[in-house]
Amino acid sequence: MSSLDPDFESMTAPARVGVIALCMGGGAALALVGTFTHQSLPPVGVAIALITIGLYIVGLRVWGGVRTPAAAGAIGVGLVAGILATTTGDSVLVPANAMGYAWLGGIAVIAFFALGWPRIQRVPQRASVTMEQPALVQQEDRPLP
């Protein structure tokens, strides 16, 4: 198994823990940046932040093949955005306006759909037969030439 093997189910336990920690850390970093910048350019800032979060979570879902890396990334995003949304002193990072609600609600909607999407099984393709070279068919009782 190489270090870039995307098959999460076949990884060793320490490798799984490392992947989960990296996914949570990446999600936390994106949530930190998104929370500070979602109010920067009113409709565009929150859209860019949510698109970035969506690409990250969906990318983890596609890469890992299972929900665990994407769930870890979504938890990292949700925890950091939720912690930063709480009011501490006089500073409000996520105000109670349309952009703030779109930011926090958008994270929940993206995580819900990315994690709830069913796993798509690939249908095996038959070998195509051309006029120049017929497809080799292996039978159980004899090997291919």
C-alpha atoms as a PDB file:
ATOM      1  CA  MET A   1       0.000   0.000   0.000  1.00  0.00           C
ATOM      2  CA  SER A   2       1.388   3.373  -0.967  1.00  0.00           C
ATOM      3  CA  SER A   3       1.120   6.449   1.208  1.00  0.00           C
ATOM      4  CA  LEU A   4      -1.372   7.979  -1.247  1.00  0.00           C
ATOM      5  CA  ASP A   5      -3.707   4.985  -1.396  1.00  0.00           C
ATOM      6  CA  PRO A   6      -7.245   6.392  -1.235  1.00  0.00           C
ATOM      7  CA  ASP A   7      -8.796   3.175   0.074  1.00  0.00           C
ATOM      8  CA  PHE A   8      -9.595   4.285   3.608  1.00  0.00           C
ATOM      9  CA  GLU A   9     -11.051   0.917   4.600  1.00  0.00           C
ATOM     10  CA  SER A  10      -7.785  -0.934   3.957  1.00  0.00           C
ATOM     11  CA  MET A  11      -5.567   1.480   5.919  1.00  0.00           C
ATOM     12  CA  THR A  12      -3.992   0.529   9.206  1.00  0.00           C
ATOM     13  CA  ALA A  13      -5.446   1.996  12.402  1.00  0.00           C
ATOM     14  CA  PRO A  14      -2.671   4.602  12.902  1.00  0.00           C
ATOM     15  CA  ALA A  15      -3.053   5.701   9.282  1.00  0.00           C
ATOM     16  CA  ARG A  16      -6.811   6.083   9.729  1.00  0.00           C
ATOM     17  CA  VAL A  17      -6.322   8.183  12.862  1.00  0.00           C
ATOM     18  CA  GLY A  18      -3.826  10.356  10.989  1.00  0.00           C
ATOM     19  CA  VAL A  19      -6.169  10.836   8.052  1.00  0.00           C
ATOM     20  CA  ILE A  20      -9.036  11.731  10.375  1.00  0.00           C
ATOM     21  CA  ALA A  21      -6.849  14.246  12.232  1.00  0.00           C
ATOM     22  CA  LEU A  22      -5.684  15.835   8.969  1.00  0.00           C
ATOM     23  CA  CYS A  23      -9.258  16.047   7.669  1.00  0.00           C
ATOM     24  CA  MET A  24     -10.443  17.706  10.879  1.00  0.00           C
ATOM     25  CA  GLY A  25      -7.489  20.091  10.844  1.00  0.00           C
ATOM     26  CA  GLY A  26      -8.083  21.034   7.215  1.00  0.00           C
ATOM     27  CA  GLY A  27     -11.761  21.629   7.914  1.00  0.00           C
ATOM     28  CA  ALA A  28     -10.900  23.726  10.951  1.00  0.00           C
ATOM     29  CA  ALA A  29      -8.484  25.848   8.917  1.00  0.00           C
ATOM     30  CA  LEU A  30     -11.056  26.418   6.167  1.00  0.00           C
ATOM     31  CA  ALA A  31     -13.716  27.323   8.738  1.00  0.00           C
ATOM     32  CA  LEU A  32     -11.345  29.800  10.354  1.00  0.00           C
ATOM     33  CA  VAL A  33     -10.657  31.519   7.049  1.00  0.00           C
ATOM     34  CA  GLY A  34     -14.309  31.368   5.979  1.00  0.00           C
ATOM     35  CA  THR A  35     -15.580  32.791   9.252  1.00  0.00           C
ATOM     36  CA  PHE A  36     -13.249  35.763   9.023  1.00  0.00           C
ATOM     37  CA  THR A  37     -13.932  36.438   5.337  1.00  0.00           C
ATOM     38  CA  HIS A  38     -17.599  35.585   4.749  1.00  0.00           C
ATOM     39  CA  GLN A  39     -18.657  39.177   5.497  1.00  0.00           C
ATOM     40  CA  SER A  40     -15.919  40.737   3.327  1.00  0.00           C
ATOM     41  CA  LEU A  41     -17.825  41.232   0.061  1.00  0.00           C
ATOM     42  CA  PRO A  42     -21.493  40.790   0.946  1.00  0.00           C
ATOM     43  CA  PRO A  43     -23.039  38.155  -1.322  1.00  0.00           C
ATOM     44  CA  VAL A  44     -19.826  37.010  -2.962  1.00  0.00           C
ATOM     45  CA  GLY A  45     -17.770  36.466   0.205  1.00  0.00           C
ATOM     46  CA  VAL A  46     -20.172  33.982   1.763  1.00  0.00           C
ATOM     47  CA  ALA A  47     -20.656  32.242  -1.598  1.00  0.00           C
ATOM     48  CA  ILE A  48     -16.914  31.747  -2.063  1.00  0.00           C
ATOM     49  CA  ALA A  49     -16.521  30.524   1.520  1.00  0.00           C
ATOM     50  CA  LEU A  50     -19.382  28.023   1.150  1.00  0.00           C
ATOM     51  CA  ILE A  51     -18.149  26.809  -2.238  1.00  0.00           C
ATOM     52  CA  THR A  52     -14.718  26.214  -0.721  1.00  0.00           C
ATOM     53  CA  ILE A  53     -16.211  24.263   2.184  1.00  0.00           C
ATOM     54  CA  GLY A  54     -18.416  22.297  -0.205  1.00  0.00           C
ATOM     55  CA  LEU A  55     -15.521  21.364  -2.457  1.00  0.00           C
ATOM     56  CA  TYR A  56     -13.491  20.269   0.551  1.00  0.00           C
ATOM     57  CA  ILE A  57     -16.162  18.051   2.093  1.00  0.00           C
ATOM     58  CA  VAL A  58     -17.318  16.567  -1.219  1.00  0.00           C
ATOM     59  CA  GLY A  59     -13.698  16.023  -2.245  1.00  0.00           C
ATOM     60  CA  LEU A  60     -13.033  14.103   0.965  1.00  0.00           C
ATOM     61  CA  ARG A  61     -16.169  12.041   0.367  1.00  0.00           C
ATOM     62  CA  VAL A  62     -15.078  11.142  -3.152  1.00  0.00           C
ATOM     63  CA  TRP A  63     -11.439  10.559  -2.194  1.00  0.00           C
ATOM     64  CA  GLY A  64     -12.055   8.318   0.785  1.00  0.00           C
ATOM     65  CA  GLY A  65     -14.842   6.245  -0.709  1.00  0.00           C
ATOM     66  CA  VAL A  66     -16.474   6.141   2.729  1.00  0.00           C
ATOM     67  CA  ARG A  67     -18.035   8.821   4.898  1.00  0.00           C
ATOM     68  CA  THR A  68     -15.416   8.891   7.660  1.00  0.00           C
ATOM     69  CA  PRO A  69     -12.927  11.417   6.161  1.00  0.00           C
ATOM     70  CA  ALA A  70     -15.747  13.693   4.987  1.00  0.00           C
ATOM     71  CA  ALA A  71     -17.443  13.468   8.388  1.00  0.00           C
ATOM     72  CA  ALA A  72     -14.179  14.377  10.109  1.00  0.00           C
ATOM     73  CA  GLY A  73     -13.762  17.378   7.799  1.00  0.00           C
ATOM     74  CA  ALA A  74     -17.362  18.455   8.390  1.00  0.00           C
ATOM     75  CA  ILE A  75     -16.916  18.151  12.159  1.00  0.00           C
ATOM     76  CA  GLY A  76     -13.770  20.280  11.973  1.00  0.00           C
ATOM     77  CA  VAL A  77     -15.616  22.928   9.955  1.00  0.00           C
ATOM     78  CA  GLY A  78     -18.688  22.875  12.194  1.00  0.00           C
ATOM     79  CA  LEU A  79     -16.790  23.021  15.468  1.00  0.00           C
ATOM     80  CA  VAL A  80     -14.574  25.937  14.533  1.00  0.00           C
ATOM     81  CA  ALA A  81     -17.349  27.911  12.838  1.00  0.00           C
ATOM     82  CA  GLY A  82     -19.634  27.275  15.809  1.00  0.00           C
ATOM     83  CA  ILE A  83     -17.018  28.270  18.364  1.00  0.00           C
ATOM     84  CA  LEU A  84     -16.144  31.431  16.443  1.00  0.00           C
ATOM     85  CA  ALA A  85     -19.844  32.303  16.035  1.00  0.00           C
ATOM     86  CA  THR A  86     -20.314  32.606  19.777  1.00  0.00           C
ATOM     87  CA  THR A  87     -19.971  36.140  21.051  1.00  0.00           C
ATOM     88  CA  THR A  88     -16.835  36.750  23.079  1.00  0.00           C
ATOM     89  CA  GLY A  89     -16.723  40.181  24.628  1.00  0.00           C
ATOM     90  CA  ASP A  90     -17.475  43.026  22.228  1.00  0.00           C
ATOM     91  CA  SER A  91     -16.270  41.232  19.102  1.00  0.00           C
ATOM     92  CA  VAL A  92     -18.814  39.521  16.861  1.00  0.00           C
ATOM     93  CA  LEU A  93     -17.357  37.457  14.040  1.00  0.00           C
ATOM     94  CA  VAL A  94     -20.661  36.077  12.768  1.00  0.00           C
ATOM     95  CA  PRO A  95     -23.343  38.743  13.167  1.00  0.00           C
ATOM     96  CA  ALA A  96     -27.041  37.894  13.186  1.00  0.00           C
ATOM     97  CA  ASN A  97     -27.681  39.010   9.612  1.00  0.00           C
ATOM     98  CA  ALA A  98     -28.392  37.259   6.313  1.00  0.00           C
ATOM     99  CA  MET A  99     -24.708  36.544   5.627  1.00  0.00           C
ATOM    100  CA  GLY A 100     -24.151  35.075   9.094  1.00  0.00           C
ATOM    101  CA  TYR A 101     -27.198  32.829   8.826  1.00  0.00           C
ATOM    102  CA  ALA A 102     -26.198  31.802   5.295  1.00  0.00           C
ATOM    103  CA  TRP A 103     -22.679  30.946   6.505  1.00  0.00           C
ATOM    104  CA  LEU A 104     -23.712  28.782   9.453  1.00  0.00           C
ATOM    105  CA  GLY A 105     -26.773  27.268   7.773  1.00  0.00           C
ATOM    106  CA  GLY A 106     -24.866  26.634   4.562  1.00  0.00           C
ATOM    107  CA  ILE A 107     -22.241  24.607   6.400  1.00  0.00           C
ATOM    108  CA  ALA A 108     -24.963  22.391   7.867  1.00  0.00           C
ATOM    109  CA  VAL A 109     -26.715  21.930   4.506  1.00  0.00           C
ATOM    110  CA  ILE A 110     -23.479  21.100   2.685  1.00  0.00           C
ATOM    111  CA  ALA A 111     -22.451  18.576   5.343  1.00  0.00           C
ATOM    112  CA  PHE A 112     -25.929  17.028   5.343  1.00  0.00           C
ATOM    113  CA  PHE A 113     -25.999  16.452   1.590  1.00  0.00           C
ATOM    114  CA  ALA A 114     -22.353  15.421   1.224  1.00  0.00           C
ATOM    115  CA  LEU A 115     -22.581  12.867   4.020  1.00  0.00           C
ATOM    116  CA  GLY A 116     -26.085  11.694   3.195  1.00  0.00           C
ATOM    117  CA  TRP A 117     -25.445  11.070  -0.490  1.00  0.00           C
ATOM    118  CA  PRO A 118     -25.539   7.323  -1.194  1.00  0.00           C
ATOM    119  CA  ARG A 119     -22.440   5.456  -2.222  1.00  0.00           C
ATOM    120  CA  ILE A 120     -22.506   4.918  -5.955  1.00  0.00           C
ATOM    121  CA  GLN A 121     -21.398   1.488  -7.077  1.00  0.00           C
ATOM    122  CA  ARG A 122     -19.651   1.345 -10.426  1.00  0.00           C
ATOM    123  CA  VAL A 123     -21.053  -1.117 -12.920  1.00  0.00           C
ATOM    124  CA  PRO A 124     -18.317  -3.225 -14.527  1.00  0.00           C
ATOM    125  CA  GLN A 125     -17.939  -2.613 -18.240  1.00  0.00           C
ATOM    126  CA  ARG A 126     -17.694  -5.452 -20.736  1.00  0.00           C
ATOM    127  CA  ALA A 127     -14.720  -5.502 -23.044  1.00  0.00           C
ATOM    128  CA  SER A 128     -15.627  -4.107 -26.435  1.00  0.00           C
ATOM    129  CA  VAL A 129     -15.253  -6.271 -29.506  1.00  0.00           C
ATOM    130  CA  THR A 130     -13.850  -4.697 -32.656  1.00  0.00           C
ATOM    131  CA  MET A 131     -13.415  -6.059 -36.126  1.00  0.00           C
ATOM    132  CA  GLU A 132      -9.641  -5.954 -35.850  1.00  0.00           C
ATOM    133  CA  GLN A 133      -9.231  -7.765 -32.558  1.00  0.00           C
ATOM    134  CA  PRO A 134     -11.936  -9.761 -30.782  1.00  0.00           C
ATOM    135  CA  ALA A 135     -12.157  -9.584 -27.016  1.00  0.00           C
ATOM    136  CA  LEU A 136     -10.489 -12.404 -25.137  1.00  0.00           C
ATOM    137  CA  VAL A 137     -12.955 -14.320 -23.028  1.00  0.00           C
ATOM    138  CA  GLN A 138     -11.652 -16.446 -20.211  1.00  0.00           C
ATOM    139  CA  GLN A 139     -13.542 -19.539 -19.309  1.00  0.00           C
ATOM    140  CA  GLU A 140     -13.248 -21.190 -15.943  1.00  0.00           C
ATOM    141  CA  ASP A 141     -11.695 -24.404 -17.243  1.00  0.00           C
ATOM    142  CA  ARG A 142      -8.978 -22.980 -19.502  1.00  0.00           C
ATOM    143  CA  PRO A 143      -6.522 -20.088 -19.147  1.00  0.00           C
ATOM    144  CA  LEU A 144      -6.114 -17.237 -21.625  1.00  0.00           C
ATOM    145  CA  PRO A 145      -3.420 -17.721 -24.315  1.00  0.00           C
END
